[in-house]
Amino acid sequence: MWRIRTHRMGIDRGTKILFSDFVTDGAMWTGEGDREIRMKIPFSESFTSPPAVMVGMSMWDIDAETNSRIDISSDNVTADDFEIVFSTWGDTKVARIRADWIAFGEVADEDDWDDQDLF
């Protein structure tokens, strides 16, 4: 279990359109080419260590004539940023995706000691 001192708990969140491939006939819509995208998302402030990040889809536009195969997750989480990873495979055709995310973690406190304060 991860315990966070409540006065140091930071929550950051956001929303991001990952792509609109129907506009440009991109790989997600045509089904040809790389079917994974990674988008780096910076936090509004740094955490003291990598936070827990939850990613979900808040809008999806998928071709009704094909199977719906979708994987969305976070990866490469650091104290400063993370990547949203979206992928699909097979005959799935995705026109566009919007992802929402939330990060929970410990943030610095004004009472923290800085080693430089000692000198």
N, C-alpha and C. Protein backbone atom coordinates (compact mmCIF):
# COMPACT_ATOMS: atom_id res chain seq x y z
N MET A 1 0.84 -1.18 0.00
CA MET A 1 0.00 0.00 0.00
C MET A 1 0.88 1.24 0.00
N TRP A 2 0.46 2.25 -0.73
CA TRP A 2 1.18 3.50 -0.81
C TRP A 2 0.48 4.50 0.11
N ARG A 3 1.19 5.02 1.10
CA ARG A 3 0.61 5.97 2.04
C ARG A 3 1.15 7.37 1.74
N ILE A 4 0.25 8.32 1.69
CA ILE A 4 0.62 9.70 1.37
C ILE A 4 0.24 10.57 2.57
N ARG A 5 1.17 11.37 3.01
CA ARG A 5 0.84 12.34 4.05
C ARG A 5 -0.10 13.36 3.42
N THR A 6 -1.30 13.46 3.96
CA THR A 6 -2.36 14.22 3.29
C THR A 6 -2.00 15.68 3.01
N HIS A 7 -1.20 16.32 3.85
CA HIS A 7 -0.85 17.71 3.58
C HIS A 7 0.14 17.82 2.41
N ARG A 8 0.64 16.68 1.94
CA ARG A 8 1.58 16.67 0.82
C ARG A 8 0.97 16.00 -0.42
N MET A 9 -0.31 15.70 -0.37
CA MET A 9 -0.93 15.01 -1.49
C MET A 9 -1.27 16.00 -2.60
N GLY A 10 -0.80 15.70 -3.80
CA GLY A 10 -1.11 16.51 -4.96
C GLY A 10 -1.94 15.72 -5.95
N ILE A 11 -2.91 16.38 -6.55
CA ILE A 11 -3.75 15.76 -7.58
C ILE A 11 -3.70 16.68 -8.79
N ASP A 12 -3.31 16.11 -9.93
CA ASP A 12 -3.30 16.87 -11.18
C ASP A 12 -4.19 16.12 -12.16
N ARG A 13 -4.77 16.82 -13.09
CA ARG A 13 -5.66 16.15 -14.05
C ARG A 13 -5.69 16.94 -15.34
N GLY A 14 -6.18 16.29 -16.40
CA GLY A 14 -6.27 16.98 -17.67
C GLY A 14 -7.03 16.17 -18.69
N THR A 15 -7.18 16.76 -19.85
CA THR A 15 -7.85 16.12 -20.97
C THR A 15 -7.06 16.45 -22.24
N LYS A 16 -7.01 15.50 -23.16
CA LYS A 16 -6.21 15.71 -24.37
C LYS A 16 -6.83 14.93 -25.53
N ILE A 17 -7.02 15.62 -26.66
CA ILE A 17 -7.39 14.93 -27.90
C ILE A 17 -6.11 14.26 -28.40
N LEU A 18 -6.13 12.94 -28.52
CA LEU A 18 -4.93 12.22 -28.92
C LEU A 18 -4.71 12.28 -30.43
N PHE A 19 -5.79 12.20 -31.18
CA PHE A 19 -5.69 12.30 -32.64
C PHE A 19 -7.08 12.46 -33.24
N SER A 20 -7.13 12.93 -34.48
CA SER A 20 -8.35 13.02 -35.29
C SER A 20 -7.99 12.51 -36.68
N ASP A 21 -7.76 11.21 -36.78
CA ASP A 21 -7.25 10.63 -38.02
C ASP A 21 -8.24 10.62 -39.18
N PHE A 22 -9.53 10.78 -38.93
CA PHE A 22 -10.48 10.82 -40.04
C PHE A 22 -10.27 12.08 -40.88
N VAL A 23 -9.75 13.14 -40.28
CA VAL A 23 -9.50 14.40 -40.99
C VAL A 23 -8.35 14.26 -41.98
N THR A 24 -7.31 13.50 -41.58
CA THR A 24 -6.09 13.40 -42.39
C THR A 24 -5.89 12.03 -43.02
N ASP A 25 -6.89 11.13 -42.90
CA ASP A 25 -6.74 9.74 -43.36
C ASP A 25 -5.51 9.09 -42.74
N GLY A 26 -5.32 9.33 -41.44
CA GLY A 26 -4.19 8.77 -40.70
C GLY A 26 -4.32 7.28 -40.48
N ALA A 27 -3.28 6.69 -39.92
CA ALA A 27 -3.18 5.23 -39.74
C ALA A 27 -4.30 4.64 -38.89
N MET A 28 -4.74 5.36 -37.88
CA MET A 28 -5.79 4.81 -37.01
C MET A 28 -7.12 4.68 -37.77
N TRP A 29 -7.34 5.58 -38.73
CA TRP A 29 -8.59 5.54 -39.50
C TRP A 29 -8.49 4.61 -40.69
N THR A 30 -7.37 4.59 -41.39
CA THR A 30 -7.24 3.74 -42.57
C THR A 30 -6.90 2.30 -42.22
N GLY A 31 -6.33 2.09 -41.03
CA GLY A 31 -5.95 0.74 -40.64
C GLY A 31 -4.60 0.32 -41.18
N GLU A 32 -3.85 1.24 -41.75
CA GLU A 32 -2.55 0.94 -42.33
C GLU A 32 -1.48 1.78 -41.63
N GLY A 33 -0.37 1.15 -41.28
CA GLY A 33 0.73 1.87 -40.63
C GLY A 33 0.75 1.61 -39.13
N ASP A 34 1.49 2.46 -38.42
CA ASP A 34 1.65 2.31 -36.98
C ASP A 34 0.32 2.52 -36.28
N ARG A 35 -0.09 1.57 -35.48
CA ARG A 35 -1.38 1.64 -34.81
C ARG A 35 -1.24 1.94 -33.33
N GLU A 36 -0.11 2.54 -32.95
CA GLU A 36 0.11 2.97 -31.57
C GLU A 36 0.59 4.41 -31.58
N ILE A 37 0.06 5.21 -30.67
CA ILE A 37 0.58 6.56 -30.48
C ILE A 37 0.94 6.75 -29.02
N ARG A 38 1.95 7.57 -28.81
CA ARG A 38 2.39 7.95 -27.46
C ARG A 38 2.42 9.46 -27.42
N MET A 39 1.82 10.02 -26.39
CA MET A 39 1.80 11.46 -26.24
C MET A 39 2.31 11.81 -24.84
N LYS A 40 3.38 12.61 -24.79
CA LYS A 40 3.95 13.03 -23.51
C LYS A 40 3.08 14.14 -22.92
N ILE A 41 2.75 13.98 -21.64
CA ILE A 41 1.91 14.93 -20.93
C ILE A 41 2.69 15.45 -19.72
N PRO A 42 2.98 16.75 -19.67
CA PRO A 42 3.67 17.30 -18.49
C PRO A 42 2.66 17.58 -17.37
N PHE A 43 3.11 17.40 -16.12
CA PHE A 43 2.28 17.78 -14.99
C PHE A 43 2.38 19.30 -14.79
N SER A 44 1.37 19.89 -14.19
CA SER A 44 1.38 21.34 -13.97
C SER A 44 2.44 21.73 -12.94
N GLU A 45 2.76 20.82 -12.02
CA GLU A 45 3.86 20.97 -11.06
C GLU A 45 4.49 19.61 -10.89
N SER A 46 5.74 19.59 -10.48
CA SER A 46 6.42 18.31 -10.26
C SER A 46 5.94 17.66 -8.97
N PHE A 47 5.86 16.34 -8.99
CA PHE A 47 5.65 15.55 -7.79
C PHE A 47 7.03 15.25 -7.20
N THR A 48 7.09 14.76 -5.95
CA THR A 48 8.38 14.42 -5.36
C THR A 48 8.90 13.09 -5.86
N SER A 49 8.02 12.25 -6.38
CA SER A 49 8.37 10.97 -7.00
C SER A 49 7.26 10.64 -7.99
N PRO A 50 7.46 9.62 -8.83
CA PRO A 50 6.42 9.32 -9.82
C PRO A 50 5.06 9.03 -9.16
N PRO A 51 4.02 9.73 -9.58
CA PRO A 51 2.68 9.53 -9.00
C PRO A 51 1.97 8.33 -9.63
N ALA A 52 0.84 7.98 -9.06
CA ALA A 52 -0.06 7.00 -9.69
C ALA A 52 -0.87 7.76 -10.74
N VAL A 53 -0.93 7.24 -11.95
CA VAL A 53 -1.64 7.91 -13.04
C VAL A 53 -2.71 6.97 -13.60
N MET A 54 -3.91 7.49 -13.74
CA MET A 54 -5.03 6.75 -14.32
C MET A 54 -5.44 7.45 -15.60
N VAL A 55 -5.58 6.71 -16.70
CA VAL A 55 -5.98 7.26 -17.99
C VAL A 55 -7.24 6.54 -18.46
N GLY A 56 -8.18 7.30 -19.01
CA GLY A 56 -9.39 6.72 -19.57
C GLY A 56 -9.84 7.50 -20.79
N MET A 57 -10.69 6.90 -21.57
CA MET A 57 -11.23 7.59 -22.75
C MET A 57 -12.49 8.35 -22.35
N SER A 58 -12.55 9.61 -22.72
CA SER A 58 -13.74 10.41 -22.45
C SER A 58 -14.54 10.65 -23.73
N MET A 59 -13.96 10.30 -24.89
CA MET A 59 -14.67 10.36 -26.16
C MET A 59 -13.99 9.41 -27.13
N TRP A 60 -14.79 8.65 -27.83
CA TRP A 60 -14.23 7.81 -28.88
C TRP A 60 -15.17 7.83 -30.08
N ASP A 61 -14.58 7.79 -31.25
CA ASP A 61 -15.31 7.80 -32.51
C ASP A 61 -14.72 6.67 -33.33
N ILE A 62 -15.46 5.55 -33.40
CA ILE A 62 -14.95 4.32 -34.01
C ILE A 62 -15.92 3.85 -35.09
N ASP A 63 -15.36 3.34 -36.18
CA ASP A 63 -16.15 2.81 -37.29
C ASP A 63 -17.03 1.65 -36.79
N ALA A 64 -18.32 1.75 -37.02
CA ALA A 64 -19.27 0.72 -36.59
C ALA A 64 -19.18 -0.56 -37.41
N GLU A 65 -18.51 -0.52 -38.57
CA GLU A 65 -18.41 -1.68 -39.45
C GLU A 65 -17.27 -2.63 -39.05
N THR A 66 -16.43 -2.21 -38.08
CA THR A 66 -15.28 -3.03 -37.68
C THR A 66 -15.36 -3.34 -36.19
N ASN A 67 -14.51 -4.28 -35.76
CA ASN A 67 -14.42 -4.62 -34.35
C ASN A 67 -13.78 -3.48 -33.57
N SER A 68 -14.19 -3.32 -32.32
CA SER A 68 -13.64 -2.28 -31.46
C SER A 68 -12.57 -2.89 -30.55
N ARG A 69 -11.32 -2.70 -30.92
CA ARG A 69 -10.18 -3.20 -30.14
C ARG A 69 -9.35 -1.99 -29.72
N ILE A 70 -9.31 -1.72 -28.43
CA ILE A 70 -8.63 -0.52 -27.95
C ILE A 70 -7.87 -0.83 -26.67
N ASP A 71 -6.68 -0.26 -26.57
CA ASP A 71 -5.89 -0.32 -25.35
C ASP A 71 -5.39 1.09 -25.06
N ILE A 72 -5.64 1.58 -23.85
CA ILE A 72 -5.17 2.91 -23.45
C ILE A 72 -4.58 2.78 -22.04
N SER A 73 -3.42 3.41 -21.85
CA SER A 73 -2.74 3.31 -20.56
C SER A 73 -1.75 4.45 -20.40
N SER A 74 -1.12 4.49 -19.21
CA SER A 74 -0.02 5.42 -18.97
C SER A 74 1.28 4.62 -18.96
N ASP A 75 2.38 5.29 -19.32
CA ASP A 75 3.68 4.64 -19.35
C ASP A 75 4.75 5.70 -19.09
N ASN A 76 5.93 5.24 -18.72
CA ASN A 76 7.08 6.12 -18.49
C ASN A 76 6.72 7.29 -17.56
N VAL A 77 6.09 6.97 -16.44
CA VAL A 77 5.68 7.99 -15.47
C VAL A 77 6.91 8.45 -14.69
N THR A 78 7.12 9.77 -14.66
CA THR A 78 8.18 10.37 -13.85
C THR A 78 7.52 11.40 -12.92
N ALA A 79 8.32 12.06 -12.12
CA ALA A 79 7.80 13.10 -11.24
C ALA A 79 7.33 14.32 -12.03
N ASP A 80 7.79 14.46 -13.28
CA ASP A 80 7.48 15.64 -14.09
C ASP A 80 6.47 15.42 -15.20
N ASP A 81 6.35 14.18 -15.70
CA ASP A 81 5.47 13.93 -16.84
C ASP A 81 5.19 12.44 -16.99
N PHE A 82 4.40 12.10 -18.00
CA PHE A 82 4.10 10.70 -18.33
C PHE A 82 3.67 10.64 -19.79
N GLU A 83 3.52 9.43 -20.30
CA GLU A 83 3.02 9.24 -21.67
C GLU A 83 1.67 8.56 -21.63
N ILE A 84 0.73 9.06 -22.44
CA ILE A 84 -0.50 8.33 -22.72
C ILE A 84 -0.20 7.44 -23.90
N VAL A 85 -0.53 6.17 -23.79
CA VAL A 85 -0.30 5.21 -24.87
C VAL A 85 -1.66 4.69 -25.33
N PHE A 86 -1.93 4.87 -26.62
CA PHE A 86 -3.17 4.36 -27.23
C PHE A 86 -2.79 3.44 -28.37
N SER A 87 -3.43 2.28 -28.42
CA SER A 87 -3.17 1.38 -29.55
C SER A 87 -4.44 0.62 -29.93
N THR A 88 -4.44 0.17 -31.16
CA THR A 88 -5.50 -0.68 -31.68
C THR A 88 -4.87 -1.65 -32.67
N TRP A 89 -5.61 -2.64 -33.11
CA TRP A 89 -5.06 -3.66 -34.00
C TRP A 89 -6.20 -4.30 -34.80
N GLY A 90 -5.82 -5.18 -35.69
CA GLY A 90 -6.80 -5.87 -36.53
C GLY A 90 -7.49 -4.90 -37.47
N ASP A 91 -8.80 -5.11 -37.67
CA ASP A 91 -9.55 -4.28 -38.62
C ASP A 91 -10.17 -3.03 -38.00
N THR A 92 -9.89 -2.77 -36.74
CA THR A 92 -10.46 -1.62 -36.05
C THR A 92 -10.05 -0.31 -36.73
N LYS A 93 -11.02 0.56 -36.93
CA LYS A 93 -10.77 1.88 -37.51
C LYS A 93 -11.26 2.93 -36.51
N VAL A 94 -10.32 3.76 -36.06
CA VAL A 94 -10.62 4.77 -35.05
C VAL A 94 -10.47 6.15 -35.67
N ALA A 95 -11.54 6.93 -35.62
CA ALA A 95 -11.52 8.28 -36.19
C ALA A 95 -10.83 9.25 -35.24
N ARG A 96 -11.20 9.22 -33.96
CA ARG A 96 -10.58 10.13 -33.00
C ARG A 96 -10.81 9.64 -31.58
N ILE A 97 -9.92 10.09 -30.71
CA ILE A 97 -9.96 9.71 -29.30
C ILE A 97 -9.61 10.93 -28.45
N ARG A 98 -10.37 11.11 -27.37
CA ARG A 98 -10.01 12.09 -26.35
C ARG A 98 -9.79 11.31 -25.05
N ALA A 99 -8.69 11.59 -24.39
CA ALA A 99 -8.35 10.91 -23.14
C ALA A 99 -8.38 11.89 -21.98
N ASP A 100 -8.88 11.44 -20.84
CA ASP A 100 -8.80 12.18 -19.59
C ASP A 100 -7.85 11.43 -18.68
N TRP A 101 -7.14 12.16 -17.83
CA TRP A 101 -6.18 11.52 -16.93
C TRP A 101 -6.20 12.22 -15.58
N ILE A 102 -5.77 11.48 -14.57
CA ILE A 102 -5.63 12.02 -13.23
C ILE A 102 -4.40 11.39 -12.59
N ALA A 103 -3.64 12.20 -11.87
CA ALA A 103 -2.43 11.73 -11.20
C ALA A 103 -2.51 12.08 -9.72
N PHE A 104 -2.17 11.10 -8.87
CA PHE A 104 -2.15 11.28 -7.42
C PHE A 104 -0.74 11.01 -6.92
N GLY A 105 -0.20 11.91 -6.13
CA GLY A 105 1.12 11.66 -5.59
C GLY A 105 1.52 12.70 -4.57
N GLU A 106 2.70 12.50 -4.00
CA GLU A 106 3.20 13.41 -2.99
C GLU A 106 3.90 14.59 -3.66
N VAL A 107 3.65 15.78 -3.13
CA VAL A 107 4.28 17.00 -3.62
C VAL A 107 5.11 17.61 -2.50
N ALA A 108 6.01 18.49 -2.89
CA ALA A 108 6.86 19.16 -1.90
C ALA A 108 6.01 20.06 -1.00
N ASP A 109 6.51 20.27 0.19
CA ASP A 109 5.83 21.11 1.17
C ASP A 109 6.77 22.24 1.56
N GLU A 110 6.23 23.39 1.90
CA GLU A 110 7.08 24.53 2.26
C GLU A 110 7.94 24.25 3.49
N ASP A 111 7.59 23.26 4.31
CA ASP A 111 8.37 22.91 5.48
C ASP A 111 9.47 21.88 5.19
N ASP A 112 9.59 21.44 3.94
CA ASP A 112 10.64 20.47 3.58
C ASP A 112 12.01 21.10 3.78
N TRP A 113 12.95 20.30 4.23
CA TRP A 113 14.34 20.74 4.35
C TRP A 113 15.01 20.60 3.01
N ASP A 114 15.76 21.60 2.65
CA ASP A 114 16.58 21.56 1.45
C ASP A 114 18.02 21.53 1.91
N ASP A 115 18.81 20.54 1.44
CA ASP A 115 20.19 20.44 1.86
C ASP A 115 20.96 21.74 1.68
N GLN A 116 20.60 22.56 0.73
CA GLN A 116 21.28 23.82 0.49
C GLN A 116 20.99 24.82 1.62
N ASP A 117 19.87 24.62 2.35
CA ASP A 117 19.54 25.51 3.46
C ASP A 117 20.52 25.37 4.61
N LEU A 118 21.26 24.26 4.63
CA LEU A 118 22.18 24.00 5.75
C LEU A 118 23.49 24.74 5.61
N PHE A 119 23.79 25.27 4.44
CA PHE A 119 25.09 25.90 4.21
C PHE A 119 24.98 27.38 4.03
